[in-house]
Amino acid sequence: METIQNFPEITKKDFPLLNKNLKSNEQIIYLDHAATTQKPIQVLKKIDEYYKNFNANVHRGAHQLSAKATEEFENARYLISKYIKANSAKEIIFTRNATEAINLAARSWGESSLKENDEILLSIMEHHSNIVPWQMVAAKNKCKLKFIGIDKDGKLDIDDFKSKLTSRTKLVSLVHVSNTLGCCNPIKEITKLAKQKGSLVLIDACQSLAHQKLDVIDLNIDFLAGSGHKLCGPTGIGFLWSRKEILEKIPPLFGGGEMIQDVFEETSTWAELPHKFEAGTPAIAEAIGLAEAINYINNIGLNEIHEYEKTITKYLFEKLNQIENIEIIGPSPEIDPDRASLATFYIKNIHSNDIAEILDSKGICIRSGHHCCQPLHRYIGIKSTARISMNFTTNKEEIDMFIEKLKDTIDFLKINS
């Protein structure tokens, strides 16, 4: 791959949607990668290839189409395991998305392992997907949720974490990189402290997997949830990773075909890992598409992606900080160099939805609202924010255009409010 500064020019041509005009004659500027990434043509072609050339169910057929589909499907599992440095592909459980992955951990591990008065430690910055499942488990098992706050810079408050971590803490479940604050949480430090208290650790890696290298063994975590559509892959596919010894002990969440060894009238026995947790026909095309997306990212290089995104994030913050009365939540790139390539902000007396709608009319796609982080927004004391999120296809010219249109939008809304 050529120098990291040329990423957008090299990669943008691979993304059909990024070369389209929407609603206006201006080429679309897509700045909502934290919500979902666009898909390169290589991924689209791979999905098309599956349906055209070897569409068949996996694992169950003896014919050549099924054999080919099974080979490609299981190769996807293998690639994911290598991508996160897992010990075995059998530790990768395919799910519909990261939300289902966390629910699987909550129901299969949480409901069978947590006892009355046990504690689950989350943070106030969590996505709803990493709050609601644990609320449901806590209500059923009569255990307790505790929330870690954030410091003045918008990072996880480590002192608060230490004060709330006790011998009753059975799980620490945290986002790796916040989809709103952008901060990169110190997982190794957190895990070290959690293990001293006998707690397991789950991380929501949706916002980190496409942007930096991740090693589940080095981090010493116990569960990881990931989502394909944030990895330049299809929607409808995600995964849960956990240690083999944990997965072997806990019960499956769903029952049906594929996840059984033997079925009798009164009882059944479960298949070996990973099939024990994958009832019914899986998302075959989506898994194969995700494998192609991982190949695409690997060919670029995660280290190169991370370094490039550091550059454009610093550039974005420099430009945003020149705008009068703007408030950015989360740490600056100087405070957290590994932060996400996004910026979440608000302007006093201007609704973020109005900003997003006007920018959309100019062909610029950003996010507005609470970003599935209502507790965080209440904690900060604001109802909604606007968010620009980037990846390796984003160039400085697009940031300049965004800043120009954002200033025009703010001026317009101030005059007409």
Protein backbone atom coordinates (compact mmCIF):
# COMPACT_ATOMS: atom_id res chain seq x y z
CA MET A 1 0.00 0.00 0.00
CA GLU A 2 1.19 3.51 -0.81
CA THR A 3 1.80 6.21 1.76
CA ILE A 4 -0.95 6.65 4.33
CA GLN A 5 -1.71 10.19 3.17
CA ASN A 6 -2.97 8.75 -0.12
CA PHE A 7 -5.47 6.37 1.46
CA PRO A 8 -8.62 8.21 0.37
CA GLU A 9 -7.50 8.52 -3.24
CA ILE A 10 -6.51 4.84 -3.34
CA THR A 11 -9.51 3.39 -1.51
CA LYS A 12 -12.47 5.64 -2.31
CA LYS A 13 -12.78 4.22 -5.82
CA ASP A 14 -13.55 0.82 -4.23
CA PHE A 15 -16.71 2.14 -2.56
CA PRO A 16 -19.57 2.62 -5.06
CA LEU A 17 -21.76 4.65 -2.71
CA LEU A 18 -19.00 7.14 -1.98
CA ASN A 19 -18.91 8.02 -5.68
CA LYS A 20 -22.62 8.82 -6.00
CA ASN A 21 -24.59 12.02 -5.95
CA LEU A 22 -27.56 12.04 -3.57
CA LYS A 23 -30.35 14.66 -3.42
CA SER A 24 -28.22 17.30 -5.08
CA ASN A 25 -25.62 17.70 -7.78
CA GLU A 26 -22.88 17.60 -5.16
CA GLN A 27 -21.03 14.34 -4.57
CA ILE A 28 -22.02 12.79 -1.28
CA ILE A 29 -19.69 13.30 1.67
CA TYR A 30 -20.27 10.40 4.03
CA LEU A 31 -19.20 11.18 7.59
CA ASP A 32 -21.19 8.59 9.54
CA HIS A 33 -18.78 5.66 9.56
CA ALA A 34 -19.28 5.06 13.30
CA ALA A 35 -22.93 4.19 12.59
CA THR A 36 -22.14 1.93 9.65
CA THR A 37 -19.31 1.69 7.17
CA GLN A 38 -19.75 1.64 3.43
CA LYS A 39 -18.94 -1.59 1.60
CA PRO A 40 -16.13 -1.96 -0.95
CA ILE A 41 -16.91 -3.51 -4.31
CA GLN A 42 -14.83 -6.55 -3.35
CA VAL A 43 -17.32 -7.39 -0.58
CA LEU A 44 -20.33 -6.82 -2.85
CA LYS A 45 -18.84 -9.06 -5.52
CA LYS A 46 -18.07 -11.82 -3.01
CA ILE A 47 -21.66 -11.88 -1.77
CA ASP A 48 -22.87 -11.94 -5.37
CA GLU A 49 -20.45 -14.78 -6.13
CA TYR A 50 -21.89 -16.88 -3.31
CA TYR A 51 -25.47 -16.55 -4.51
CA LYS A 52 -24.56 -17.07 -8.16
CA ASN A 53 -22.04 -19.88 -7.88
CA PHE A 54 -22.34 -21.90 -4.65
CA ASN A 55 -25.55 -20.98 -2.85
CA ALA A 56 -26.30 -23.87 -0.48
CA ASN A 57 -26.81 -24.53 3.21
CA VAL A 58 -23.71 -25.20 5.26
CA HIS A 59 -22.65 -28.27 7.24
CA ARG A 60 -25.71 -30.32 6.29
CA GLY A 61 -25.22 -31.30 2.65
CA ALA A 62 -22.96 -33.90 1.07
CA HIS A 63 -23.02 -32.28 -2.36
CA GLN A 64 -20.34 -30.01 -3.80
CA LEU A 65 -22.28 -26.76 -3.43
CA SER A 66 -22.74 -27.33 0.28
CA ALA A 67 -19.10 -28.32 0.63
CA LYS A 68 -17.96 -25.08 -1.04
CA ALA A 69 -20.37 -22.94 1.02
CA THR A 70 -19.22 -24.65 4.22
CA GLU A 71 -15.57 -24.12 3.32
CA GLU A 72 -16.10 -20.38 2.70
CA PHE A 73 -18.30 -19.98 5.79
CA GLU A 74 -15.82 -21.67 8.13
CA ASN A 75 -12.96 -19.75 6.53
CA ALA A 76 -14.73 -16.58 7.68
CA ARG A 77 -14.72 -17.89 11.24
CA TYR A 78 -11.01 -18.68 10.93
CA LEU A 79 -10.18 -15.22 9.56
CA ILE A 80 -12.03 -13.52 12.41
CA SER A 81 -10.17 -15.63 14.97
CA LYS A 82 -6.85 -14.60 13.43
CA TYR A 83 -7.96 -10.97 13.20
CA ILE A 84 -8.45 -10.76 16.98
CA LYS A 85 -5.62 -13.22 17.81
CA ALA A 86 -7.92 -15.84 19.35
CA ASN A 87 -6.55 -19.28 20.20
CA SER A 88 -9.10 -21.13 18.10
CA ALA A 89 -11.74 -20.53 15.44
CA LYS A 90 -14.06 -22.62 17.65
CA GLU A 91 -14.16 -19.65 20.03
CA ILE A 92 -15.93 -17.48 17.42
CA ILE A 93 -19.73 -17.60 17.65
CA PHE A 94 -21.60 -16.02 14.74
CA THR A 95 -24.51 -13.77 15.69
CA ARG A 96 -26.73 -11.28 13.87
CA ASN A 97 -24.82 -8.32 15.31
CA ALA A 98 -22.87 -7.18 18.37
CA THR A 99 -26.11 -6.57 20.25
CA GLU A 100 -27.02 -10.24 19.92
CA ALA A 101 -23.46 -11.17 20.90
CA ILE A 102 -23.76 -9.24 24.18
CA ASN A 103 -27.23 -10.69 24.77
CA LEU A 104 -25.77 -14.16 24.24
CA ALA A 105 -23.11 -13.49 26.87
CA ALA A 106 -25.70 -11.98 29.21
CA ARG A 107 -28.23 -14.81 28.88
CA SER A 108 -25.99 -17.87 28.50
CA TRP A 109 -23.22 -16.82 30.90
CA GLY A 110 -24.91 -14.16 33.02
CA GLU A 111 -28.16 -15.92 33.87
CA SER A 112 -26.36 -19.18 34.68
CA SER A 113 -23.46 -17.66 36.63
CA LEU A 114 -24.61 -14.53 38.46
CA LYS A 115 -26.16 -14.81 41.90
CA GLU A 116 -28.18 -12.50 44.12
CA ASN A 117 -26.15 -9.44 45.21
CA ASP A 118 -23.43 -10.07 42.63
CA GLU A 119 -22.36 -6.89 40.83
CA ILE A 120 -21.94 -5.98 37.16
CA LEU A 121 -19.75 -2.95 36.53
CA LEU A 122 -20.47 -0.87 33.41
CA SER A 123 -19.59 2.70 32.42
CA ILE A 124 -21.87 5.66 31.87
CA MET A 125 -20.61 5.92 28.26
CA GLU A 126 -21.95 2.51 27.21
CA HIS A 127 -24.09 1.99 24.13
CA HIS A 128 -27.57 0.79 25.04
CA SER A 129 -26.57 -2.63 23.68
CA ASN A 130 -24.17 -2.98 26.60
CA ILE A 131 -26.64 -1.73 29.20
CA VAL A 132 -30.08 -3.17 28.52
CA PRO A 133 -29.07 -6.89 28.40
CA TRP A 134 -27.37 -6.54 31.78
CA GLN A 135 -30.38 -4.72 33.22
CA MET A 136 -32.50 -7.70 32.20
CA VAL A 137 -30.08 -10.17 33.80
CA ALA A 138 -29.81 -8.07 36.96
CA ALA A 139 -33.59 -7.98 37.32
CA LYS A 140 -33.92 -11.73 36.83
CA ASN A 141 -30.98 -12.81 38.99
CA LYS A 142 -31.36 -10.06 41.61
CA CYS A 143 -27.86 -8.73 41.11
CA LYS A 144 -26.72 -5.12 40.97
CA LEU A 145 -25.52 -2.76 38.24
CA LYS A 146 -22.94 -0.09 38.97
CA PHE A 147 -21.72 2.62 36.58
CA ILE A 148 -18.29 4.19 36.24
CA GLY A 149 -18.25 7.93 35.54
CA ILE A 150 -16.04 10.00 33.26
CA ASP A 151 -13.40 12.58 34.14
CA LYS A 152 -13.18 16.24 33.16
CA ASP A 153 -11.53 15.35 29.83
CA GLY A 154 -14.29 12.94 28.84
CA LYS A 155 -12.32 9.77 29.54
CA LEU A 156 -13.16 6.86 31.80
CA ASP A 157 -12.61 7.84 35.43
CA ILE A 158 -10.11 5.22 36.57
CA ASP A 159 -10.29 6.33 40.20
CA ASP A 160 -14.06 5.89 40.12
CA PHE A 161 -13.57 2.46 38.55
CA LYS A 162 -11.19 1.43 41.32
CA SER A 163 -13.60 2.64 44.01
CA LYS A 164 -16.53 0.66 42.55
CA LEU A 165 -14.63 -2.55 41.79
CA THR A 166 -15.11 -4.98 44.69
CA SER A 167 -14.97 -8.69 45.44
CA ARG A 168 -18.69 -8.78 44.56
CA THR A 169 -17.93 -7.61 40.99
CA LYS A 170 -18.39 -10.64 38.75
CA LEU A 171 -18.25 -8.85 35.40
CA VAL A 172 -16.77 -5.63 34.05
CA SER A 173 -18.41 -4.89 30.69
CA LEU A 174 -17.04 -1.88 28.83
CA VAL A 175 -16.85 -0.34 25.41
CA HIS A 176 -13.31 -0.42 24.03
CA VAL A 177 -13.70 2.82 22.07
CA SER A 178 -16.70 5.05 22.80
CA ASN A 179 -19.01 5.75 19.87
CA THR A 180 -19.81 9.18 21.35
CA LEU A 181 -16.87 10.39 23.45
CA GLY A 182 -14.37 8.74 21.13
CA CYS A 183 -12.07 7.82 24.03
CA CYS A 184 -10.09 4.60 23.91
CA ASN A 185 -10.45 2.89 27.28
CA PRO A 186 -7.35 1.37 28.93
CA ILE A 187 -8.53 -2.23 28.74
CA LYS A 188 -5.28 -3.87 29.86
CA GLU A 189 -5.19 -1.77 33.03
CA ILE A 190 -8.87 -2.41 33.65
CA THR A 191 -8.50 -6.16 33.10
CA LYS A 192 -5.52 -6.40 35.44
CA LEU A 193 -7.47 -4.74 38.23
CA ALA A 194 -10.64 -6.72 37.51
CA LYS A 195 -8.83 -10.07 37.56
CA GLN A 196 -7.37 -9.25 40.97
CA LYS A 197 -10.95 -9.14 42.24
CA GLY A 198 -11.96 -12.32 40.42
CA SER A 199 -14.08 -10.56 37.80
CA LEU A 200 -14.49 -11.47 34.15
CA VAL A 201 -14.21 -8.77 31.47
CA LEU A 202 -16.29 -8.20 28.33
CA ILE A 203 -15.48 -5.53 25.77
CA ASP A 204 -17.69 -4.06 23.08
CA ALA A 205 -15.19 -3.70 20.23
CA CYS A 206 -17.51 -2.31 17.55
CA GLN A 207 -15.70 1.02 17.28
CA SER A 208 -12.17 -0.36 17.48
CA LEU A 209 -12.07 -3.47 15.27
CA ALA A 210 -11.86 -1.53 11.98
CA HIS A 211 -9.39 1.04 13.27
CA GLN A 212 -6.66 -0.62 15.34
CA LYS A 213 -5.10 -3.99 16.05
CA LEU A 214 -6.67 -6.00 18.84
CA ASP A 215 -5.35 -9.07 20.65
CA VAL A 216 -7.80 -10.81 22.99
CA ILE A 217 -5.07 -12.87 24.65
CA ASP A 218 -2.82 -9.90 25.30
CA LEU A 219 -5.76 -7.89 26.67
CA ASN A 220 -6.61 -10.86 28.92
CA ILE A 221 -10.35 -10.38 28.41
CA ASP A 222 -13.04 -13.06 28.56
CA PHE A 223 -15.65 -11.90 26.03
CA LEU A 224 -15.57 -9.68 22.94
CA ALA A 225 -18.51 -8.51 20.84
CA GLY A 226 -18.02 -7.39 17.24
CA SER A 227 -20.21 -6.28 14.36
CA GLY A 228 -19.66 -6.84 10.64
CA HIS A 229 -21.31 -3.70 9.33
CA LYS A 230 -18.79 -1.48 11.14
CA LEU A 231 -15.96 -3.48 9.55
CA CYS A 232 -16.80 -2.67 5.92
CA GLY A 233 -18.81 -5.90 5.93
CA PRO A 234 -22.53 -6.64 5.52
CA THR A 235 -25.30 -5.99 8.00
CA GLY A 236 -26.87 -8.96 9.73
CA ILE A 237 -23.60 -10.54 10.87
CA GLY A 238 -21.65 -10.14 14.10
CA PHE A 239 -19.79 -12.39 16.49
CA LEU A 240 -19.07 -13.19 20.09
CA TRP A 241 -15.63 -14.40 21.11
CA SER A 242 -15.08 -16.07 24.44
CA ARG A 243 -12.61 -18.46 25.96
CA LYS A 244 -13.18 -22.12 25.10
CA GLU A 245 -13.42 -23.12 28.76
CA ILE A 246 -16.21 -20.60 29.33
CA LEU A 247 -18.16 -21.54 26.19
CA GLU A 248 -17.99 -25.23 27.03
CA LYS A 249 -19.54 -24.69 30.47
CA ILE A 250 -22.42 -22.34 29.69
CA PRO A 251 -25.75 -23.36 28.13
CA PRO A 252 -26.85 -22.35 24.61
CA LEU A 253 -29.28 -19.47 24.19
CA PHE A 254 -31.21 -20.72 21.15
CA GLY A 255 -32.46 -24.22 20.44
CA GLY A 256 -33.18 -25.89 17.12
CA GLY A 257 -31.36 -27.38 14.17
CA GLU A 258 -27.58 -27.40 13.84
CA MET A 259 -26.85 -26.79 17.54
CA ILE A 260 -27.67 -30.36 18.64
CA GLN A 261 -25.78 -33.63 18.86
CA ASP A 262 -28.79 -35.91 19.46
CA VAL A 263 -32.48 -35.19 19.90
CA PHE A 264 -34.79 -37.52 21.81
CA GLU A 265 -38.45 -37.11 22.70
CA GLU A 266 -37.70 -35.77 26.15
CA THR A 267 -34.20 -34.31 25.94
CA SER A 268 -31.36 -33.30 23.66
CA THR A 269 -27.59 -33.05 23.75
CA TRP A 270 -25.59 -30.17 22.32
CA ALA A 271 -23.18 -30.05 19.42
CA GLU A 272 -19.54 -29.19 19.97
CA LEU A 273 -18.24 -25.63 19.77
CA PRO A 274 -18.98 -23.37 18.03
CA HIS A 275 -22.17 -24.96 16.66
CA LYS A 276 -23.68 -25.33 20.14
CA PHE A 277 -24.56 -21.60 20.00
CA GLU A 278 -25.58 -21.33 16.33
CA ALA A 279 -29.13 -22.65 15.95
CA GLY A 280 -30.68 -22.81 12.48
CA THR A 281 -29.39 -21.68 9.12
CA PRO A 282 -26.77 -18.98 9.71
CA ALA A 283 -26.11 -15.78 7.78
CA ILE A 284 -23.94 -17.55 5.22
CA ALA A 285 -23.56 -14.86 2.59
CA GLU A 286 -23.03 -12.23 5.28
CA ALA A 287 -20.25 -14.23 6.97
CA ILE A 288 -18.54 -14.78 3.62
CA GLY A 289 -18.87 -11.06 2.89
CA LEU A 290 -17.39 -10.21 6.28
CA ALA A 291 -14.40 -12.42 5.53
CA GLU A 292 -13.81 -10.47 2.34
CA ALA A 293 -14.07 -7.20 4.29
CA ILE A 294 -11.43 -8.44 6.74
CA ASN A 295 -9.19 -9.35 3.82
CA TYR A 296 -9.69 -5.84 2.45
CA ILE A 297 -8.75 -4.18 5.75
CA ASN A 298 -5.77 -6.51 6.23
CA ASN A 299 -4.49 -5.64 2.76
CA ILE A 300 -4.50 -1.95 3.71
CA GLY A 301 -3.03 -2.61 7.14
CA LEU A 302 -4.55 -1.78 10.52
CA ASN A 303 -1.42 0.03 11.72
CA GLU A 304 -1.50 2.21 8.61
CA ILE A 305 -5.22 2.86 9.02
CA HIS A 306 -4.73 3.82 12.66
CA GLU A 307 -1.90 6.24 11.88
CA TYR A 308 -3.79 7.87 9.02
CA GLU A 309 -6.92 8.30 11.12
CA LYS A 310 -4.86 9.91 13.87
CA THR A 311 -3.75 12.51 11.30
CA ILE A 312 -7.22 13.38 10.05
CA THR A 313 -8.69 13.38 13.57
CA LYS A 314 -6.13 15.94 14.68
CA TYR A 315 -6.90 17.99 11.56
CA LEU A 316 -10.65 17.81 12.25
CA PHE A 317 -10.26 18.97 15.86
CA GLU A 318 -8.07 21.89 14.78
CA LYS A 319 -10.81 23.03 12.39
CA LEU A 320 -13.69 22.48 14.82
CA ASN A 321 -11.93 24.41 17.58
CA GLN A 322 -11.96 27.49 15.34
CA ILE A 323 -15.77 27.57 15.40
CA GLU A 324 -17.25 29.95 17.96
CA ASN A 325 -19.34 28.50 20.81
CA ILE A 326 -18.82 24.88 19.78
CA GLU A 327 -18.61 22.33 22.59
CA ILE A 328 -16.88 19.02 21.82
CA ILE A 329 -17.47 16.17 24.25
CA GLY A 330 -14.73 13.63 24.79
CA PRO A 331 -10.95 13.95 24.94
CA SER A 332 -8.89 15.80 22.37
CA PRO A 333 -6.34 13.91 20.23
CA GLU A 334 -3.59 15.43 22.38
CA ILE A 335 -5.10 13.96 25.56
CA ASP A 336 -6.03 10.61 23.99
CA PRO A 337 -3.91 9.91 20.87
CA ASP A 338 -5.68 6.56 20.32
CA ARG A 339 -9.15 8.08 20.39
CA ALA A 340 -11.65 7.32 17.63
CA SER A 341 -11.65 9.26 14.38
CA LEU A 342 -14.86 11.07 15.30
CA ALA A 343 -16.00 14.23 17.01
CA THR A 344 -19.26 14.71 18.91
CA PHE A 345 -20.34 18.28 19.51
CA TYR A 346 -23.18 20.70 20.19
CA ILE A 347 -23.88 24.39 19.79
CA LYS A 348 -25.81 26.10 22.55
CA ASN A 349 -29.41 26.96 21.60
CA ILE A 350 -29.19 25.03 18.30
CA HIS A 351 -30.67 21.55 17.99
CA SER A 352 -28.31 18.94 16.58
CA ASN A 353 -31.07 17.51 14.37
CA ASP A 354 -31.39 20.87 12.61
CA ILE A 355 -27.67 20.91 11.94
CA ALA A 356 -27.74 17.37 10.52
CA GLU A 357 -30.79 18.00 8.33
CA ILE A 358 -29.36 21.13 6.74
CA LEU A 359 -26.00 19.47 6.14
CA ASP A 360 -27.83 16.55 4.55
CA SER A 361 -29.45 18.94 2.09
CA LYS A 362 -25.91 19.90 1.09
CA GLY A 363 -24.88 16.26 0.55
CA ILE A 364 -23.06 15.82 3.87
CA CYS A 365 -24.08 12.85 6.03
CA ILE A 366 -23.49 13.12 9.79
CA ARG A 367 -25.29 11.75 12.84
CA SER A 368 -27.46 13.56 15.36
CA GLY A 369 -29.34 12.56 18.50
CA HIS A 370 -28.18 10.60 21.53
CA HIS A 371 -26.26 7.92 19.54
CA CYS A 372 -27.82 5.13 21.66
CA CYS A 373 -26.13 6.69 24.71
CA GLN A 374 -28.95 8.32 26.66
CA PRO A 375 -27.37 7.80 30.11
CA LEU A 376 -24.19 9.54 28.92
CA HIS A 377 -26.10 12.52 27.57
CA ARG A 378 -28.05 12.86 30.83
CA TYR A 379 -24.78 12.57 32.76
CA ILE A 380 -23.31 15.46 30.75
CA GLY A 381 -26.57 17.42 30.95
CA ILE A 382 -27.48 17.70 27.27
CA LYS A 383 -30.27 16.12 25.24
CA SER A 384 -28.56 15.53 21.92
CA THR A 385 -25.36 16.06 19.98
CA ALA A 386 -24.11 15.99 16.40
CA ARG A 387 -21.39 13.55 15.41
CA ILE A 388 -18.98 13.41 12.50
CA SER A 389 -17.18 10.10 12.15
CA MET A 390 -14.49 9.24 9.63
CA ASN A 391 -12.39 6.37 8.35
CA PHE A 392 -9.54 5.75 5.91
CA THR A 393 -11.65 6.93 2.95
CA THR A 394 -12.08 10.42 4.45
CA ASN A 395 -9.80 13.16 3.13
CA LYS A 396 -8.97 16.67 4.30
CA GLU A 397 -10.95 18.24 1.46
CA GLU A 398 -14.09 16.58 2.77
CA ILE A 399 -13.35 17.86 6.27
CA ASP A 400 -12.83 21.36 4.87
CA MET A 401 -16.15 21.15 3.03
CA PHE A 402 -17.89 19.92 6.17
CA ILE A 403 -16.44 22.77 8.24
CA GLU A 404 -17.45 25.36 5.64
CA LYS A 405 -21.01 24.04 5.43
CA LEU A 406 -21.24 23.64 9.20
CA LYS A 407 -20.32 27.32 9.71
CA ASP A 408 -22.92 28.36 7.13
CA THR A 409 -25.51 26.15 8.84
CA ILE A 410 -24.81 27.59 12.28
CA ASP A 411 -25.04 31.15 10.95
CA PHE A 412 -28.34 30.36 9.22
CA LEU A 413 -29.86 28.74 12.31
CA LYS A 414 -28.76 31.60 14.56
CA ILE A 415 -30.45 34.13 12.30
CA ASN A 416 -33.62 32.08 11.91
CA SER A 417 -33.99 30.69 15.42
